[in-house]
Amino acid sequence: MSTRPSDREGVTAIEYALIAGLIAVASFGAMKLLGSSLQTLFSTISTTLGSAPTSSGS
């Protein structure tokens, strides 16, 4: 008894959906854990770049 190709494609699609879901959950968790640290880092970078001297370009 062999498996039809359409059955295998459905299983593959489900596997990819599960992997994508796991990546989304892991990404959300990482952003929640690192969110305030990243906000502080980007704020510091923005302040530093905002106070940098500019040149006229010539």
PDB file of N, CA and C in Angstrom:
ATOM      1  N   MET A   1       0.848  -1.170   0.000  1.00  0.00           N
ATOM      2  CA  MET A   1       0.000   0.000   0.000  1.00  0.00           C
ATOM      3  C   MET A   1       0.896   1.237   0.000  1.00  0.00           C
ATOM      4  N   SER A   2       0.675   2.097  -0.940  1.00  0.00           N
ATOM      5  CA  SER A   2       1.514   3.302  -1.004  1.00  0.00           C
ATOM      6  C   SER A   2       0.685   4.535  -0.676  1.00  0.00           C
ATOM      7  N   THR A   3       1.396   5.568  -0.255  1.00  0.00           N
ATOM      8  CA  THR A   3       0.741   6.830   0.097  1.00  0.00           C
ATOM      9  C   THR A   3       0.582   7.679  -1.150  1.00  0.00           C
ATOM     10  N   ARG A   4      -0.576   8.282  -1.291  1.00  0.00           N
ATOM     11  CA  ARG A   4      -0.798   9.160  -2.434  1.00  0.00           C
ATOM     12  C   ARG A   4       0.006  10.438  -2.253  1.00  0.00           C
ATOM     13  N   PRO A   5       0.502  11.034  -3.348  1.00  0.00           N
ATOM     14  CA  PRO A   5       1.276  12.278  -3.242  1.00  0.00           C
ATOM     15  C   PRO A   5       0.502  13.411  -2.582  1.00  0.00           C
ATOM     16  N   SER A   6      -0.807  13.502  -2.814  1.00  0.00           N
ATOM     17  CA  SER A   6      -1.579  14.596  -2.222  1.00  0.00           C
ATOM     18  C   SER A   6      -1.620  14.482  -0.697  1.00  0.00           C
ATOM     19  N   ASP A   7      -1.614  13.266  -0.165  1.00  0.00           N
ATOM     20  CA  ASP A   7      -1.582  13.071   1.285  1.00  0.00           C
ATOM     21  C   ASP A   7      -0.263  13.558   1.864  1.00  0.00           C
ATOM     22  N   ARG A   8       0.809  13.274   1.166  1.00  0.00           N
ATOM     23  CA  ARG A   8       2.132  13.681   1.648  1.00  0.00           C
ATOM     24  C   ARG A   8       2.275  15.192   1.605  1.00  0.00           C
ATOM     25  N   GLU A   9       1.710  15.839   0.587  1.00  0.00           N
ATOM     26  CA  GLU A   9       1.789  17.297   0.495  1.00  0.00           C
ATOM     27  C   GLU A   9       1.043  17.950   1.651  1.00  0.00           C
ATOM     28  N   GLY A  10      -0.072  17.372   2.043  1.00  0.00           N
ATOM     29  CA  GLY A  10      -0.837  17.903   3.167  1.00  0.00           C
ATOM     30  C   GLY A  10      -0.065  17.798   4.470  1.00  0.00           C
ATOM     31  N   VAL A  11       0.605  16.675   4.664  1.00  0.00           N
ATOM     32  CA  VAL A  11       1.411  16.480   5.867  1.00  0.00           C
ATOM     33  C   VAL A  11       2.564  17.475   5.885  1.00  0.00           C
ATOM     34  N   THR A  12       3.203  17.681   4.752  1.00  0.00           N
ATOM     35  CA  THR A  12       4.307  18.632   4.672  1.00  0.00           C
ATOM     36  C   THR A  12       3.833  20.043   4.989  1.00  0.00           C
ATOM     37  N   ALA A  13       2.680  20.421   4.490  1.00  0.00           N
ATOM     38  CA  ALA A  13       2.140  21.754   4.763  1.00  0.00           C
ATOM     39  C   ALA A  13       1.866  21.927   6.252  1.00  0.00           C
ATOM     40  N   ILE A  14       1.347  20.890   6.894  1.00  0.00           N
ATOM     41  CA  ILE A  14       1.088  20.959   8.336  1.00  0.00           C
ATOM     42  C   ILE A  14       2.399  21.089   9.101  1.00  0.00           C
ATOM     43  N   GLU A  15       3.419  20.357   8.691  1.00  0.00           N
ATOM     44  CA  GLU A  15       4.723  20.452   9.358  1.00  0.00           C
ATOM     45  C   GLU A  15       5.286  21.864   9.239  1.00  0.00           C
ATOM     46  N   TYR A  16       5.201  22.442   8.061  1.00  0.00           N
ATOM     47  CA  TYR A  16       5.694  23.812   7.877  1.00  0.00           C
ATOM     48  C   TYR A  16       4.894  24.800   8.722  1.00  0.00           C
ATOM     49  N   ALA A  17       3.602  24.604   8.827  1.00  0.00           N
ATOM     50  CA  ALA A  17       2.771  25.491   9.648  1.00  0.00           C
ATOM     51  C   ALA A  17       3.155  25.382  11.120  1.00  0.00           C
ATOM     52  N   LEU A  18       3.421  24.181  11.594  1.00  0.00           N
ATOM     53  CA  LEU A  18       3.848  23.996  12.982  1.00  0.00           C
ATOM     54  C   LEU A  18       5.195  24.656  13.245  1.00  0.00           C
ATOM     55  N   ILE A  19       6.123  24.514  12.318  1.00  0.00           N
ATOM     56  CA  ILE A  19       7.436  25.147  12.466  1.00  0.00           C
ATOM     57  C   ILE A  19       7.288  26.665  12.486  1.00  0.00           C
ATOM     58  N   ALA A  20       6.478  27.209  11.587  1.00  0.00           N
ATOM     59  CA  ALA A  20       6.265  28.660  11.555  1.00  0.00           C
ATOM     60  C   ALA A  20       5.629  29.140  12.854  1.00  0.00           C
ATOM     61  N   GLY A  21       4.699  28.371  13.387  1.00  0.00           N
ATOM     62  CA  GLY A  21       4.071  28.723  14.656  1.00  0.00           C
ATOM     63  C   GLY A  21       5.064  28.719  15.802  1.00  0.00           C
ATOM     64  N   LEU A  22       5.931  27.727  15.846  1.00  0.00           N
ATOM     65  CA  LEU A  22       6.950  27.667  16.898  1.00  0.00           C
ATOM     66  C   LEU A  22       7.918  28.836  16.800  1.00  0.00           C
ATOM     67  N   ILE A  23       8.300  29.199  15.588  1.00  0.00           N
ATOM     68  CA  ILE A  23       9.192  30.346  15.398  1.00  0.00           C
ATOM     69  C   ILE A  23       8.505  31.622  15.861  1.00  0.00           C
ATOM     70  N   ALA A  24       7.223  31.770  15.551  1.00  0.00           N
ATOM     71  CA  ALA A  24       6.484  32.966  15.971  1.00  0.00           C
ATOM     72  C   ALA A  24       6.405  33.059  17.491  1.00  0.00           C
ATOM     73  N   VAL A  25       6.121  31.944  18.154  1.00  0.00           N
ATOM     74  CA  VAL A  25       6.032  31.945  19.618  1.00  0.00           C
ATOM     75  C   VAL A  25       7.390  32.259  20.235  1.00  0.00           C
ATOM     76  N   ALA A  26       8.459  31.666  19.706  1.00  0.00           N
ATOM     77  CA  ALA A  26       9.801  31.931  20.228  1.00  0.00           C
ATOM     78  C   ALA A  26      10.195  33.387  20.006  1.00  0.00           C
ATOM     79  N   SER A  27       9.860  33.940  18.848  1.00  0.00           N
ATOM     80  CA  SER A  27      10.176  35.343  18.562  1.00  0.00           C
ATOM     81  C   SER A  27       9.424  36.269  19.507  1.00  0.00           C
ATOM     82  N   PHE A  28       8.157  35.986  19.734  1.00  0.00           N
ATOM     83  CA  PHE A  28       7.351  36.808  20.637  1.00  0.00           C
ATOM     84  C   PHE A  28       7.931  36.768  22.047  1.00  0.00           C
ATOM     85  N   GLY A  29       8.306  35.585  22.503  1.00  0.00           N
ATOM     86  CA  GLY A  29       8.898  35.450  23.828  1.00  0.00           C
ATOM     87  C   GLY A  29      10.205  36.205  23.953  1.00  0.00           C
ATOM     88  N   ALA A  30      11.048  36.121  22.932  1.00  0.00           N
ATOM     89  CA  ALA A  30      12.324  36.836  22.957  1.00  0.00           C
ATOM     90  C   ALA A  30      12.105  38.343  22.971  1.00  0.00           C
ATOM     91  N   MET A  31      11.137  38.821  22.203  1.00  0.00           N
ATOM     92  CA  MET A  31      10.860  40.260  22.184  1.00  0.00           C
ATOM     93  C   MET A  31      10.329  40.742  23.529  1.00  0.00           C
ATOM     94  N   LYS A  32       9.506  39.920  24.181  1.00  0.00           N
ATOM     95  CA  LYS A  32       8.992  40.295  25.501  1.00  0.00           C
ATOM     96  C   LYS A  32      10.127  40.365  26.519  1.00  0.00           C
ATOM     97  N   LEU A  33      11.054  39.420  26.451  1.00  0.00           N
ATOM     98  CA  LEU A  33      12.161  39.392  27.405  1.00  0.00           C
ATOM     99  C   LEU A  33      13.164  40.509  27.155  1.00  0.00           C
ATOM    100  N   LEU A  34      13.434  40.793  25.894  1.00  0.00           N
ATOM    101  CA  LEU A  34      14.468  41.762  25.543  1.00  0.00           C
ATOM    102  C   LEU A  34      13.918  43.132  25.185  1.00  0.00           C
ATOM    103  N   GLY A  35      12.619  43.307  25.223  1.00  0.00           N
ATOM    104  CA  GLY A  35      11.982  44.539  24.763  1.00  0.00           C
ATOM    105  C   GLY A  35      12.511  45.793  25.416  1.00  0.00           C
ATOM    106  N   SER A  36      12.547  45.834  26.739  1.00  0.00           N
ATOM    107  CA  SER A  36      12.987  47.059  27.420  1.00  0.00           C
ATOM    108  C   SER A  36      14.470  47.309  27.199  1.00  0.00           C
ATOM    109  N   SER A  37      15.265  46.250  27.128  1.00  0.00           N
ATOM    110  CA  SER A  37      16.697  46.415  26.870  1.00  0.00           C
ATOM    111  C   SER A  37      16.937  46.990  25.476  1.00  0.00           C
ATOM    112  N   LEU A  38      16.199  46.479  24.498  1.00  0.00           N
ATOM    113  CA  LEU A  38      16.350  46.986  23.134  1.00  0.00           C
ATOM    114  C   LEU A  38      15.872  48.425  23.025  1.00  0.00           C
ATOM    115  N   GLN A  39      14.803  48.763  23.724  1.00  0.00           N
ATOM    116  CA  GLN A  39      14.297  50.134  23.690  1.00  0.00           C
ATOM    117  C   GLN A  39      15.338  51.086  24.261  1.00  0.00           C
ATOM    118  N   THR A  40      15.976  50.709  25.359  1.00  0.00           N
ATOM    119  CA  THR A  40      17.019  51.535  25.959  1.00  0.00           C
ATOM    120  C   THR A  40      18.202  51.674  25.011  1.00  0.00           C
ATOM    121  N   LEU A  41      18.606  50.579  24.384  1.00  0.00           N
ATOM    122  CA  LEU A  41      19.734  50.605  23.454  1.00  0.00           C
ATOM    123  C   LEU A  41      19.453  51.536  22.286  1.00  0.00           C
ATOM    124  N   PHE A  42      18.294  51.397  21.650  1.00  0.00           N
ATOM    125  CA  PHE A  42      17.978  52.236  20.496  1.00  0.00           C
ATOM    126  C   PHE A  42      17.787  53.697  20.894  1.00  0.00           C
ATOM    127  N   SER A  43      17.289  53.938  22.076  1.00  0.00           N
ATOM    128  CA  SER A  43      17.154  55.309  22.561  1.00  0.00           C
ATOM    129  C   SER A  43      18.526  55.946  22.746  1.00  0.00           C
ATOM    130  N   THR A  44      19.464  55.194  23.302  1.00  0.00           N
ATOM    131  CA  THR A  44      20.831  55.688  23.487  1.00  0.00           C
ATOM    132  C   THR A  44      21.489  55.975  22.141  1.00  0.00           C
ATOM    133  N   ILE A  45      21.323  55.078  21.198  1.00  0.00           N
ATOM    134  CA  ILE A  45      21.891  55.277  19.859  1.00  0.00           C
ATOM    135  C   ILE A  45      21.286  56.511  19.209  1.00  0.00           C
ATOM    136  N   SER A  46      19.976  56.672  19.320  1.00  0.00           N
ATOM    137  CA  SER A  46      19.301  57.824  18.727  1.00  0.00           C
ATOM    138  C   SER A  46      19.792  59.133  19.336  1.00  0.00           C
ATOM    139  N   THR A  47      19.949  59.155  20.643  1.00  0.00           N
ATOM    140  CA  THR A  47      20.433  60.359  21.321  1.00  0.00           C
ATOM    141  C   THR A  47      21.857  60.682  20.893  1.00  0.00           C
ATOM    142  N   THR A  48      22.696  59.657  20.808  1.00  0.00           N
ATOM    143  CA  THR A  48      24.091  59.853  20.403  1.00  0.00           C
ATOM    144  C   THR A  48      24.181  60.373  18.979  1.00  0.00           C
ATOM    145  N   LEU A  49      23.411  59.787  18.077  1.00  0.00           N
ATOM    146  CA  LEU A  49      23.443  60.235  16.683  1.00  0.00           C
ATOM    147  C   LEU A  49      22.833  61.623  16.535  1.00  0.00           C
ATOM    148  N   GLY A  50      21.833  61.930  17.334  1.00  0.00           N
ATOM    149  CA  GLY A  50      21.193  63.241  17.263  1.00  0.00           C
ATOM    150  C   GLY A  50      22.099  64.366  17.715  1.00  0.00           C
ATOM    151  N   SER A  51      23.034  64.069  18.614  1.00  0.00           N
ATOM    152  CA  SER A  51      23.937  65.110  19.108  1.00  0.00           C
ATOM    153  C   SER A  51      25.266  65.139  18.360  1.00  0.00           C
ATOM    154  N   ALA A  52      25.430  64.296  17.353  1.00  0.00           N
ATOM    155  CA  ALA A  52      26.674  64.269  16.578  1.00  0.00           C
ATOM    156  C   ALA A  52      26.773  65.514  15.706  1.00  0.00           C
ATOM    157  N   PRO A  53      27.996  66.034  15.548  1.00  0.00           N
ATOM    158  CA  PRO A  53      28.162  67.203  14.680  1.00  0.00           C
ATOM    159  C   PRO A  53      27.874  66.844  13.220  1.00  0.00           C
ATOM    160  N   THR A  54      27.358  67.788  12.489  1.00  0.00           N
ATOM    161  CA  THR A  54      27.063  67.558  11.074  1.00  0.00           C
ATOM    162  C   THR A  54      28.026  68.360  10.220  1.00  0.00           C
ATOM    163  N   SER A  55      28.159  67.937   8.995  1.00  0.00           N
ATOM    164  CA  SER A  55      29.050  68.636   8.074  1.00  0.00           C
ATOM    165  C   SER A  55      28.238  69.156   6.901  1.00  0.00           C
ATOM    166  N   SER A  56      28.744  70.173   6.245  1.00  0.00           N
ATOM    167  CA  SER A  56      28.024  70.759   5.117  1.00  0.00           C
ATOM    168  C   SER A  56      28.147  69.902   3.869  1.00  0.00           C
ATOM    169  N   GLY A  57      29.058  68.959   3.860  1.00  0.00           N
ATOM    170  CA  GLY A  57      29.209  68.067   2.720  1.00  0.00           C
ATOM    171  C   GLY A  57      30.127  68.587   1.640  1.00  0.00           C
ATOM    172  N   SER A  58      30.713  69.771   1.792  1.00  0.00           N
ATOM    173  CA  SER A  58      31.622  70.251   0.760  1.00  0.00           C
ATOM    174  C   SER A  58      33.034  70.284   1.252  1.00  0.00           C
TER     175      SER A  58
END
